[in-house]
Amino acid sequence: MGLYGKKERIADTPEAYVEGLESPRREDIGRLHERIRELTPTMAASAAEGMLTYGRYSYKSRSGRAGEWWALGVASNKAYISLYAPTLNLEPYVARLPKANLGRGCIRFKRLDDVDLGVIDEVIRASAANDGQSFTY
């Protein structure tokens, strides 16, 4: 099982992940992946946890728990696309995306054409700025 108990999609590369999706989701996630690569060419991309992941950051909680996690993620879910940005407060971005909603640490939308790509670009760039950073929660 993958993230959140879902059956994990097996893919060795981001490109294999995208190719494994059905249309029209393949085209939307493919465009989003290309956009992320254009805006953040130095952020490492991988296919993990049944999704696309980009960059890494380290964290340490006040209780002493520590680890690493990805700075940006893209997942194809049954009813929507999820854009995860775990280091950001996503509420201000979602407020500017009327056809999207706030999920658990993510922005959810049905189609890439339903959202303002300028706002999505802001999320991508802000997440990229946290690539390689360390956070204490």
Foldseek 3Di string as FASTA:
>chain_A
DFPPPDDADDDWAPLRLLVPDDPPSSVQVVVVVVLLCVLQVPWDWGCGRNWIFTFKEKEAEPVGDIDMDGQWIWHDDDQWIWIAGQVDDCVVLVVQQVQWDDDDRTITHRGPVSGDVVSVSVSSVVSSVRGHYYYYD
